[in-house]
Every structure is written in structure tokens, then in C-alpha cells.
N, C-alpha and C. Protein backbone atom coordinates (compact mmCIF):
# COMPACT_ATOMS: atom_id res chain seq x y z
N MET A 1 -36.12 -14.68 -30.28
CA MET A 1 -34.71 -15.18 -29.56
C MET A 1 -33.93 -16.17 -30.78
N THR A 2 -32.63 -16.04 -31.02
CA THR A 2 -32.18 -16.85 -32.05
C THR A 2 -31.52 -17.97 -31.18
N ASP A 3 -31.05 -18.96 -31.72
CA ASP A 3 -30.12 -19.94 -31.37
C ASP A 3 -28.70 -19.53 -31.23
N GLU A 4 -28.33 -18.67 -31.62
CA GLU A 4 -26.75 -18.36 -31.54
C GLU A 4 -26.51 -17.79 -29.94
N ALA A 5 -27.77 -17.16 -29.27
CA ALA A 5 -27.78 -16.63 -27.99
C ALA A 5 -27.17 -17.86 -27.01
N PHE A 6 -27.60 -19.29 -27.40
CA PHE A 6 -27.27 -20.37 -26.48
C PHE A 6 -25.84 -20.97 -26.91
N GLN A 7 -25.45 -20.65 -28.16
CA GLN A 7 -24.31 -21.59 -28.61
C GLN A 7 -23.00 -20.89 -27.87
N ARG A 8 -21.96 -21.72 -27.84
CA ARG A 8 -20.56 -21.47 -27.38
C ARG A 8 -19.74 -22.38 -28.17
N PRO A 9 -18.55 -21.81 -28.47
CA PRO A 9 -17.38 -22.61 -29.10
C PRO A 9 -17.20 -24.02 -28.24
N PRO A 10 -17.61 -25.19 -28.85
CA PRO A 10 -17.83 -26.43 -28.11
C PRO A 10 -16.30 -26.60 -27.62
N ASP A 11 -15.17 -26.09 -27.87
CA ASP A 11 -13.83 -26.40 -27.18
C ASP A 11 -13.26 -25.27 -26.32
N SER A 12 -14.54 -24.36 -25.75
CA SER A 12 -14.16 -23.33 -24.86
C SER A 12 -14.32 -23.82 -23.72
N ALA A 13 -13.31 -23.35 -22.61
CA ALA A 13 -13.28 -23.95 -21.34
C ALA A 13 -14.66 -23.78 -20.42
N PRO A 14 -15.14 -22.53 -20.58
CA PRO A 14 -16.23 -22.52 -19.82
C PRO A 14 -17.44 -23.83 -20.55
N PHE A 15 -17.70 -24.02 -21.68
CA PHE A 15 -18.59 -24.92 -22.06
C PHE A 15 -18.09 -26.49 -21.50
N ALA A 16 -16.73 -26.65 -21.84
CA ALA A 16 -16.28 -27.74 -21.24
C ALA A 16 -16.54 -28.02 -19.43
N LEU A 17 -16.51 -27.40 -18.83
CA LEU A 17 -16.69 -27.18 -17.42
C LEU A 17 -18.03 -27.57 -17.33
N VAL A 18 -19.16 -26.70 -17.95
CA VAL A 18 -20.42 -27.21 -17.75
C VAL A 18 -20.84 -28.36 -18.33
N ARG A 19 -20.43 -28.78 -19.31
CA ARG A 19 -20.47 -30.31 -19.91
C ARG A 19 -20.06 -31.20 -18.88
N LEU A 20 -19.10 -31.25 -18.14
CA LEU A 20 -18.56 -32.02 -16.99
C LEU A 20 -19.40 -31.88 -16.01
N LEU A 21 -20.01 -30.60 -15.55
CA LEU A 21 -21.07 -30.61 -14.35
C LEU A 21 -22.34 -31.29 -14.66
N GLN A 22 -22.71 -31.29 -15.85
CA GLN A 22 -23.98 -31.92 -16.47
C GLN A 22 -23.52 -33.22 -16.23
N ASP A 23 -22.52 -34.07 -16.94
CA ASP A 23 -22.17 -35.29 -16.70
C ASP A 23 -21.95 -35.64 -15.35
N PHE A 24 -21.28 -35.12 -14.55
CA PHE A 24 -21.37 -35.36 -13.20
C PHE A 24 -22.77 -35.51 -12.37
N THR A 25 -23.74 -34.42 -12.66
CA THR A 25 -25.13 -34.58 -12.19
C THR A 25 -25.75 -35.85 -12.76
N LEU A 26 -25.70 -36.02 -13.53
CA LEU A 26 -26.30 -37.14 -14.68
C LEU A 26 -25.75 -38.60 -13.90
N GLU A 27 -24.43 -38.74 -13.85
CA GLU A 27 -23.72 -39.90 -13.17
C GLU A 27 -24.20 -40.06 -11.95
N ALA A 28 -24.34 -38.93 -11.02
CA ALA A 28 -25.04 -39.00 -9.62
C ALA A 28 -26.08 -39.63 -9.32
N ASN A 29 -26.84 -38.86 -10.21
CA ASN A 29 -28.49 -39.43 -10.36
C ASN A 29 -28.49 -40.93 -10.67
N ARG A 30 -27.77 -41.46 -11.56
CA ARG A 30 -27.91 -42.57 -11.86
C ARG A 30 -27.37 -43.45 -10.84
N TYR A 31 -26.11 -42.70 -10.06
CA TYR A 31 -25.56 -43.92 -8.70
C TYR A 31 -27.00 -43.68 -7.73
N VAL A 32 -27.44 -42.81 -7.42
CA VAL A 32 -28.49 -42.66 -6.53
C VAL A 32 -29.64 -43.61 -7.10
N ASP A 33 -30.06 -43.58 -8.22
CA ASP A 33 -31.16 -44.39 -8.54
C ASP A 33 -30.81 -46.13 -8.50
N THR A 34 -29.54 -46.39 -8.77
CA THR A 34 -29.13 -47.46 -8.92
C THR A 34 -28.93 -48.26 -7.37
N ALA A 35 -28.12 -47.17 -6.44
CA ALA A 35 -27.86 -47.91 -5.02
C ALA A 35 -28.89 -47.62 -4.40
N GLY A 36 -29.92 -46.76 -4.44
CA GLY A 36 -31.17 -46.70 -3.73
C GLY A 36 -32.00 -47.78 -4.09
N GLY A 37 -32.27 -48.03 -5.49
CA GLY A 37 -33.11 -48.99 -6.01
C GLY A 37 -32.88 -50.63 -5.12
N ARG A 38 -31.44 -50.73 -4.90
CA ARG A 38 -31.07 -52.23 -4.45
C ARG A 38 -31.43 -52.35 -3.00
N ASN A 39 -31.79 -50.93 -2.60
CA ASN A 39 -32.16 -51.07 -1.07
C ASN A 39 -33.61 -50.49 -0.94
N ASP A 40 -34.47 -50.97 -2.19
CA ASP A 40 -35.79 -50.40 -1.89
C ASP A 40 -36.21 -48.84 -1.77
N MET A 41 -35.29 -48.09 -1.87
CA MET A 41 -35.37 -46.66 -1.63
C MET A 41 -35.45 -45.99 -2.84
N HIS A 42 -36.48 -44.98 -2.72
CA HIS A 42 -36.48 -44.09 -4.07
C HIS A 42 -35.48 -42.74 -4.22
N ARG A 43 -35.58 -42.22 -4.99
CA ARG A 43 -34.62 -41.00 -4.94
C ARG A 43 -34.95 -39.85 -3.98
N THR A 44 -36.38 -39.78 -3.98
CA THR A 44 -37.05 -38.89 -2.99
C THR A 44 -37.02 -39.53 -1.62
N ASP A 45 -36.66 -40.66 -1.37
CA ASP A 45 -36.51 -41.20 0.24
C ASP A 45 -35.22 -40.80 0.46
N LEU A 46 -34.00 -40.91 -0.58
CA LEU A 46 -32.90 -40.74 0.12
C LEU A 46 -32.55 -39.09 -0.13
N ASN A 47 -33.36 -38.04 -0.82
CA ASN A 47 -33.23 -37.08 -0.64
C ASN A 47 -33.80 -35.90 0.60
N ALA A 48 -34.90 -37.04 0.92
CA ALA A 48 -35.61 -36.61 2.13
C ALA A 48 -34.74 -36.74 3.66
N LEU A 49 -33.72 -37.83 3.48
CA LEU A 49 -32.82 -38.34 4.51
C LEU A 49 -31.67 -37.18 4.47
N ALA A 50 -31.29 -36.88 3.48
CA ALA A 50 -30.12 -36.01 3.11
C ALA A 50 -30.84 -34.39 3.75
N VAL A 51 -31.80 -34.20 3.51
CA VAL A 51 -32.61 -32.85 3.90
C VAL A 51 -32.70 -32.90 5.67
N ILE A 52 -33.03 -33.97 5.86
CA ILE A 52 -33.40 -34.30 7.44
C ILE A 52 -31.69 -34.01 8.03
N MET A 53 -30.95 -35.00 7.31
CA MET A 53 -29.64 -34.99 8.01
C MET A 53 -28.76 -33.44 8.05
N ARG A 54 -29.10 -32.81 6.97
CA ARG A 54 -28.48 -31.53 6.69
C ARG A 54 -29.09 -30.33 8.02
N HIS A 55 -30.42 -30.39 7.94
CA HIS A 55 -30.97 -29.58 9.10
C HIS A 55 -30.29 -29.89 10.29
N THR A 56 -30.64 -31.35 10.58
CA THR A 56 -29.96 -31.71 12.01
C THR A 56 -28.89 -31.35 12.47
N ALA A 57 -27.86 -31.41 11.45
CA ALA A 57 -26.40 -31.23 11.60
C ALA A 57 -26.39 -29.57 12.05
N LYS A 58 -27.15 -28.90 11.63
CA LYS A 58 -27.34 -27.41 11.98
C LYS A 58 -27.82 -26.95 13.31
N GLY A 59 -28.42 -28.24 13.80
CA GLY A 59 -29.37 -27.90 15.07
C GLY A 59 -30.79 -27.48 14.84
N LEU A 60 -31.51 -27.79 13.74
CA LEU A 60 -32.64 -27.28 13.60
C LEU A 60 -33.46 -28.42 13.43
N VAL A 61 -34.82 -27.92 13.65
CA VAL A 61 -36.07 -28.90 13.67
C VAL A 61 -36.25 -29.27 12.67
N VAL A 62 -36.37 -30.26 11.98
CA VAL A 62 -37.17 -30.85 10.80
C VAL A 62 -38.56 -31.15 11.13
N THR A 63 -39.53 -30.33 10.24
CA THR A 63 -40.90 -30.91 10.42
C THR A 63 -41.28 -31.08 8.75
N PRO A 64 -42.37 -31.85 8.88
CA PRO A 64 -43.13 -32.43 7.25
C PRO A 64 -43.14 -30.91 6.49
N GLY A 65 -43.45 -29.79 7.04
CA GLY A 65 -43.40 -28.52 6.07
C GLY A 65 -42.17 -28.43 5.77
N ILE A 66 -41.07 -28.34 6.21
CA ILE A 66 -39.71 -27.96 5.54
C ILE A 66 -39.37 -29.13 4.83
N LEU A 67 -39.71 -30.24 5.18
CA LEU A 67 -39.38 -31.39 3.98
C LEU A 67 -40.27 -30.97 2.79
N ARG A 68 -41.49 -30.67 2.94
CA ARG A 68 -42.32 -30.36 1.56
C ARG A 68 -41.72 -29.56 0.65
N ARG A 69 -41.40 -28.36 1.57
CA ARG A 69 -40.83 -26.94 0.82
C ARG A 69 -39.33 -27.35 0.26
N GLU A 70 -38.44 -28.13 0.93
CA GLU A 70 -37.34 -28.64 0.45
C GLU A 70 -37.33 -29.23 -0.69
N LEU A 71 -38.27 -30.31 -0.99
CA LEU A 71 -38.27 -31.21 -1.66
C LEU A 71 -39.29 -30.87 -2.78
N ASN A 72 -39.95 -29.89 -2.80
CA ASN A 72 -41.16 -29.38 -3.45
C ASN A 72 -42.08 -30.41 -3.67
N LEU A 73 -42.96 -30.83 -2.69
CA LEU A 73 -43.87 -31.89 -2.96
C LEU A 73 -45.09 -31.46 -2.47
N SER A 74 -46.05 -31.96 -2.82
CA SER A 74 -47.40 -31.63 -2.39
C SER A 74 -47.57 -32.39 -0.91
N SER A 75 -48.52 -31.68 -0.24
CA SER A 75 -48.81 -32.53 1.24
C SER A 75 -49.19 -33.76 1.21
N PRO A 76 -49.89 -34.30 0.37
CA PRO A 76 -50.22 -35.59 0.31
C PRO A 76 -48.90 -36.51 -0.02
N ALA A 77 -48.15 -36.05 -0.98
CA ALA A 77 -46.95 -36.70 -1.41
C ALA A 77 -45.95 -36.59 -0.23
N THR A 78 -45.67 -35.36 0.50
CA THR A 78 -44.98 -35.44 1.67
C THR A 78 -45.46 -36.57 2.92
N THR A 79 -46.75 -36.69 3.12
CA THR A 79 -47.24 -37.67 3.81
C THR A 79 -46.75 -39.17 3.56
N ALA A 80 -47.00 -39.26 2.22
CA ALA A 80 -46.71 -40.79 1.62
C ALA A 80 -45.16 -40.78 1.93
N LEU A 81 -44.47 -39.74 1.69
CA LEU A 81 -43.15 -39.86 1.89
C LEU A 81 -42.58 -40.40 3.29
N ILE A 82 -42.95 -39.69 4.14
CA ILE A 82 -42.71 -39.82 5.69
C ILE A 82 -43.39 -41.07 6.02
N ASP A 83 -44.50 -41.74 5.53
CA ASP A 83 -44.97 -42.94 5.93
C ASP A 83 -44.02 -44.03 5.44
N ARG A 84 -43.77 -43.93 4.26
CA ARG A 84 -42.61 -44.75 3.79
C ARG A 84 -41.27 -45.07 4.69
N LEU A 85 -40.62 -43.68 4.85
CA LEU A 85 -39.29 -43.81 5.58
C LEU A 85 -39.56 -44.13 7.10
N ASP A 86 -41.00 -43.80 7.65
CA ASP A 86 -41.36 -44.30 9.14
C ASP A 86 -41.50 -45.90 8.93
N SER A 87 -42.12 -46.47 7.86
CA SER A 87 -42.38 -47.94 7.71
C SER A 87 -40.96 -48.74 7.57
N SER A 88 -40.19 -48.12 6.88
CA SER A 88 -38.84 -48.70 6.65
C SER A 88 -37.94 -48.55 7.67
N GLY A 89 -38.26 -47.95 8.96
CA GLY A 89 -37.30 -47.68 9.96
C GLY A 89 -36.20 -46.62 9.79
N HIS A 90 -36.51 -45.58 8.99
CA HIS A 90 -35.43 -44.83 8.80
C HIS A 90 -35.85 -43.36 9.39
N VAL A 91 -37.03 -43.24 9.62
CA VAL A 91 -37.41 -42.03 10.39
C VAL A 91 -38.64 -42.31 11.35
N VAL A 92 -38.29 -41.44 12.37
CA VAL A 92 -39.61 -41.52 13.51
C VAL A 92 -40.23 -39.87 13.77
N ARG A 93 -41.26 -39.95 13.85
CA ARG A 93 -41.90 -38.77 14.25
C ARG A 93 -41.96 -38.54 15.63
N GLU A 94 -41.76 -37.36 16.38
CA GLU A 94 -41.77 -37.15 17.62
C GLU A 94 -42.52 -35.90 17.68
N ARG A 95 -43.74 -35.84 18.55
CA ARG A 95 -44.28 -34.57 18.96
C ARG A 95 -43.53 -33.56 19.75
N LEU A 96 -43.32 -32.07 19.26
CA LEU A 96 -42.87 -31.31 20.15
C LEU A 96 -44.01 -30.25 20.65
N GLY A 97 -43.53 -29.37 21.65
CA GLY A 97 -44.12 -28.26 22.20
C GLY A 97 -45.25 -28.70 23.19
N PRO A 98 -45.47 -27.74 23.69
CA PRO A 98 -46.42 -27.65 24.96
C PRO A 98 -47.83 -28.63 24.43
N ASP A 99 -48.32 -28.34 23.59
CA ASP A 99 -49.56 -28.85 22.86
C ASP A 99 -49.37 -30.10 22.21
N ARG A 100 -47.92 -30.50 21.93
CA ARG A 100 -47.43 -31.70 21.04
C ARG A 100 -48.06 -31.76 19.81
N ARG A 101 -48.54 -30.54 18.97
CA ARG A 101 -49.06 -30.72 17.81
C ARG A 101 -48.06 -30.58 16.71
N GLN A 102 -47.14 -29.87 16.85
CA GLN A 102 -45.96 -30.00 15.91
C GLN A 102 -45.15 -31.18 16.06
N VAL A 103 -44.86 -31.61 14.78
CA VAL A 103 -44.08 -33.19 14.54
C VAL A 103 -42.56 -32.75 14.15
N GLN A 104 -41.90 -33.46 14.60
CA GLN A 104 -40.37 -33.28 14.22
C GLN A 104 -40.11 -34.77 13.81
N LEU A 105 -39.17 -34.80 12.55
CA LEU A 105 -38.58 -35.69 11.85
C LEU A 105 -37.36 -35.99 12.33
N ARG A 106 -37.10 -37.20 12.77
CA ARG A 106 -35.86 -37.65 12.89
C ARG A 106 -35.09 -38.91 12.43
N MET A 107 -33.86 -39.17 12.05
CA MET A 107 -33.17 -40.08 11.44
C MET A 107 -33.17 -40.96 12.51
N THR A 108 -33.06 -42.44 12.57
CA THR A 108 -32.78 -43.40 13.14
C THR A 108 -31.44 -43.70 12.88
N PRO A 109 -30.94 -44.69 13.72
CA PRO A 109 -29.73 -45.40 13.60
C PRO A 109 -29.90 -46.04 12.28
N LYS A 110 -30.79 -47.06 11.96
CA LYS A 110 -31.00 -47.85 10.80
C LYS A 110 -30.58 -46.66 9.51
N ALA A 111 -31.23 -45.53 9.42
CA ALA A 111 -30.91 -44.59 8.36
C ALA A 111 -29.67 -44.30 8.21
N PHE A 112 -28.84 -44.13 9.29
CA PHE A 112 -27.52 -43.79 9.19
C PHE A 112 -26.56 -45.02 8.66
N GLN A 113 -26.94 -46.07 9.30
CA GLN A 113 -26.37 -47.44 8.89
C GLN A 113 -26.62 -47.92 7.21
N ASP A 114 -27.86 -47.48 6.91
CA ASP A 114 -28.20 -47.81 5.51
C ASP A 114 -27.60 -46.72 4.54
N GLY A 115 -27.66 -45.70 4.88
CA GLY A 115 -26.91 -44.58 4.24
C GLY A 115 -25.62 -44.73 4.22
N SER A 116 -24.83 -45.14 5.01
CA SER A 116 -23.59 -45.56 4.98
C SER A 116 -23.31 -46.70 3.89
N ALA A 117 -24.35 -47.50 4.09
CA ALA A 117 -23.85 -48.94 3.20
C ALA A 117 -23.95 -48.23 1.64
N ILE A 118 -25.22 -47.63 1.73
CA ILE A 118 -25.47 -47.08 0.11
C ILE A 118 -24.66 -46.24 -0.62
N PHE A 119 -24.06 -45.53 0.20
CA PHE A 119 -23.04 -44.46 -0.76
C PHE A 119 -21.66 -44.97 -0.20
N MET A 120 -21.34 -45.87 0.37
CA MET A 120 -19.64 -46.20 0.78
C MET A 120 -18.94 -46.49 -0.47
N PRO A 121 -19.75 -47.48 -1.45
CA PRO A 121 -18.90 -47.55 -2.54
C PRO A 121 -18.61 -46.06 -3.42
N LEU A 122 -19.71 -45.44 -3.33
CA LEU A 122 -19.06 -43.79 -4.27
C LEU A 122 -18.34 -42.98 -3.36
N SER A 123 -18.34 -43.19 -1.98
CA SER A 123 -17.35 -42.38 -1.28
C SER A 123 -16.14 -43.16 -1.23
N ARG A 124 -15.98 -44.38 -1.48
CA ARG A 124 -14.55 -44.97 -1.41
C ARG A 124 -14.12 -44.54 -3.19
N HIS A 125 -14.77 -44.51 -4.00
CA HIS A 125 -14.21 -44.11 -5.42
C HIS A 125 -14.13 -42.47 -5.45
N LEU A 126 -14.88 -41.58 -4.78
CA LEU A 126 -14.45 -40.37 -4.81
C LEU A 126 -13.33 -40.03 -4.35
N ASP A 127 -13.08 -40.62 -3.07
CA ASP A 127 -11.75 -40.48 -2.15
C ASP A 127 -10.51 -40.94 -3.19
N ALA A 128 -10.71 -42.01 -3.74
CA ALA A 128 -9.47 -42.52 -4.61
C ALA A 128 -9.02 -41.39 -5.56
N ALA A 129 -10.37 -40.80 -6.21
CA ALA A 129 -10.07 -39.72 -7.43
C ALA A 129 -9.45 -38.54 -6.97
N MET A 130 -10.18 -38.04 -5.76
CA MET A 130 -9.59 -36.89 -5.13
C MET A 130 -7.90 -37.31 -4.56
N ALA A 131 -7.68 -38.49 -4.42
CA ALA A 131 -6.11 -38.58 -4.04
C ALA A 131 -5.27 -38.10 -4.86
N GLY A 132 -5.61 -37.74 -6.14
CA GLY A 132 -4.52 -37.51 -7.02
C GLY A 132 -4.25 -35.96 -7.09
N PHE A 133 -5.10 -35.23 -6.48
CA PHE A 133 -4.79 -33.94 -6.41
C PHE A 133 -4.12 -33.12 -4.91
N SER A 134 -3.76 -32.23 -4.86
CA SER A 134 -3.18 -31.47 -3.94
C SER A 134 -4.09 -30.74 -2.93
N PRO A 135 -3.84 -30.62 -1.88
CA PRO A 135 -4.67 -29.69 -1.09
C PRO A 135 -5.04 -28.63 -1.89
N GLU A 136 -3.99 -27.60 -2.30
CA GLU A 136 -4.38 -26.41 -2.79
C GLU A 136 -5.41 -26.65 -4.17
N GLU A 137 -5.13 -27.69 -4.95
CA GLU A 137 -5.95 -27.91 -6.05
C GLU A 137 -7.57 -28.13 -5.40
N LEU A 138 -7.57 -29.16 -4.33
CA LEU A 138 -8.80 -29.19 -3.78
C LEU A 138 -9.52 -28.13 -3.36
N GLU A 139 -8.81 -27.27 -2.63
CA GLU A 139 -9.45 -25.75 -2.31
C GLU A 139 -9.96 -25.27 -3.40
N LEU A 140 -9.20 -25.09 -4.48
CA LEU A 140 -9.86 -24.43 -5.59
C LEU A 140 -11.06 -25.05 -6.43
N VAL A 141 -10.89 -26.18 -6.27
CA VAL A 141 -12.34 -26.78 -7.04
C VAL A 141 -13.38 -26.77 -5.78
N SER A 142 -13.11 -26.82 -4.82
CA SER A 142 -14.13 -26.59 -3.62
C SER A 142 -14.76 -25.34 -3.78
N ARG A 143 -14.00 -24.20 -3.90
CA ARG A 143 -14.45 -22.89 -3.90
C ARG A 143 -15.25 -22.87 -5.29
N PHE A 144 -14.80 -23.56 -6.16
CA PHE A 144 -15.54 -23.45 -7.60
C PHE A 144 -17.04 -24.18 -7.58
N MET A 145 -16.76 -25.38 -6.84
CA MET A 145 -18.10 -26.05 -6.71
C MET A 145 -19.15 -25.41 -5.78
N ALA A 146 -18.76 -24.67 -4.80
CA ALA A 146 -19.56 -23.77 -3.84
C ALA A 146 -19.99 -22.65 -4.64
N ALA A 147 -19.56 -22.09 -5.61
CA ALA A 147 -20.05 -21.06 -6.27
C ALA A 147 -20.89 -21.73 -7.39
N MET A 148 -20.62 -22.76 -8.02
CA MET A 148 -21.84 -23.37 -9.01
C MET A 148 -23.06 -23.68 -8.27
N VAL A 149 -22.86 -24.25 -6.95
CA VAL A 149 -24.19 -24.64 -5.96
C VAL A 149 -24.93 -23.15 -5.87
N ASP A 150 -24.11 -22.05 -5.29
CA ASP A 150 -24.61 -20.88 -5.21
C ASP A 150 -25.27 -20.47 -6.56
N ALA A 151 -24.73 -20.50 -7.73
CA ALA A 151 -25.44 -20.02 -8.95
C ALA A 151 -26.40 -20.94 -9.20
N THR A 152 -26.55 -22.13 -9.01
CA THR A 152 -27.73 -22.93 -9.27
C THR A 152 -28.95 -22.71 -8.23
N ILE A 153 -28.65 -22.36 -7.19
CA ILE A 153 -29.72 -21.84 -6.02
C ILE A 153 -30.34 -20.61 -6.75
N ALA A 154 -29.28 -19.71 -7.19
CA ALA A 154 -30.13 -18.31 -7.57
C ALA A 154 -30.78 -18.56 -8.66
N ALA A 155 -30.50 -19.36 -9.78
CA ALA A 155 -31.09 -19.77 -10.81
C ALA A 155 -32.53 -20.25 -10.68
N ARG A 156 -32.82 -21.22 -9.65
CA ARG A 156 -33.98 -21.76 -9.25
C ARG A 156 -34.86 -20.89 -8.49
N GLU A 157 -34.23 -20.16 -7.70
CA GLU A 157 -34.95 -18.96 -6.82
C GLU A 157 -35.72 -18.28 -7.90
N GLU A 158 -34.75 -17.56 -8.94
CA GLU A 158 -35.27 -16.80 -9.91
C GLU A 158 -36.32 -17.23 -10.57
N THR A 159 -36.15 -18.46 -11.03
CA THR A 159 -36.92 -19.19 -12.02
C THR A 159 -38.50 -19.49 -11.12
N SER A 160 -38.29 -19.86 -9.80
CA SER A 160 -39.43 -20.08 -8.83
C SER A 160 -40.49 -18.51 -8.63
N ASP A 161 -39.49 -17.62 -8.49
CA ASP A 161 -40.30 -16.28 -8.27
C ASP A 161 -40.96 -15.47 -9.49
N GLY A 162 -40.88 -16.25 -10.40
CA GLY A 162 -41.54 -15.89 -11.74
C GLY A 162 -40.44 -15.26 -12.64
N GLY A 163 -39.25 -15.08 -12.27
CA GLY A 163 -38.29 -14.24 -12.92
C GLY A 163 -37.93 -14.88 -14.63
N PRO A 164 -37.22 -14.39 -15.11
CA PRO A 164 -36.85 -14.97 -16.54
C PRO A 164 -36.34 -16.47 -16.52
N ALA A 165 -36.98 -17.26 -17.31
CA ALA A 165 -36.42 -18.57 -17.43
C ALA A 165 -35.39 -18.70 -18.35
N SER A 166 -35.10 -17.89 -19.34
CA SER A 166 -34.51 -17.74 -20.15
C SER A 166 -33.54 -16.48 -20.32
N PRO A 167 -32.78 -16.42 -21.00
CA PRO A 167 -31.52 -15.35 -21.03
C PRO A 167 -32.33 -14.48 -22.08
N THR A 168 -32.53 -13.27 -21.79
CA THR A 168 -32.91 -12.25 -22.53
C THR A 168 -32.09 -11.94 -23.76
N PRO A 169 -32.57 -11.87 -25.03
CA PRO A 169 -31.57 -11.54 -25.99
C PRO A 169 -31.12 -10.07 -26.17
N PRO A 170 -29.82 -10.25 -26.62
CA PRO A 170 -29.40 -8.86 -26.33
C PRO A 170 -30.09 -7.83 -27.16
N ARG A 171 -30.10 -6.42 -26.90
CA ARG A 171 -31.16 -5.64 -28.34
C ARG A 171 -30.08 -4.82 -29.03
């Protein structure tokens, strides 16, 4: 495969958009690392809380197995993560079912309070940045970002299913 397959004109709109998405992802990761670190929380801890929050908002039960799959962790790493979140007061384990073997993970009020404190500065700055755009512009960007998320999920799933990890060169 040649390098030409990966090169686009640096001034093209798609290249500039992809670069901005990369920059945003990098800066968002830096924010999570910095803000989480100041609160003795690892990126994985915050990602776990986000997974639990997202599933709970949909009315779904969150189990250690769901967390393991969503975060791509081993079983021992998942147990260590849940132990950390339990010890810090962010998550509780609740037994479910008639035999009480299934464990459900639930966020505590402390998790919501700490999460709000961690992400409030980011939320404030994002709100200020979005205030300069019309509702129509925000709708367009929302549709664009949803499409980018869907494309990223599709690429991840393709890669995890053993599909091609890189583009096939034209023949």
C-alpha cells in the first residue's frame, strides 16, 4: 500500500474537519485526565460512571459484565474498577433476582455530586462557546457529530470483528 492512499490536500474541508475532531478528542481527554486526577479518579473510573449513567437513563440494569464489555476490560480489571468506585462511595452493588446472584451497579448521590463538580468548568466553557451559534447551526453540528459517532462505532465494530483495519488500496 502506498502513502498516497492516506494523503489528502491539507487545505481540504474534510481534512480540516477530521483534524478538528482529533484536536477536540485530544483536548477532551486531557481535560478528563486533569480534572479526574485532581479528584483522585482515573479516566476509566469516569468512563465507568458515564456508562452506568447512560444505561441507567435508558432504564437498563448495569452489571459488571456490561461494564467489562463497554470498557473492554478483563474480569480482574473490572473487579478492581468496581472495588475502587465502591470504596470511593461512587457506586454501590445491589443483588438482584430471586436467587440474588446477579449484581447491579448503581451510582450514588456522591457520584452525581462529584461528577457535576468535575465537569462544571467544561460545561460552562462549552455553553459559552455554543452561545455564539444559532439553533439551526447547532442542529446541523449535532447531526454532524451524531454521524461521526456512528461512523466511529462502525469502524470500531468492524475492527473488533476482524474486518479490515486499514483501507484496501484501489486495484
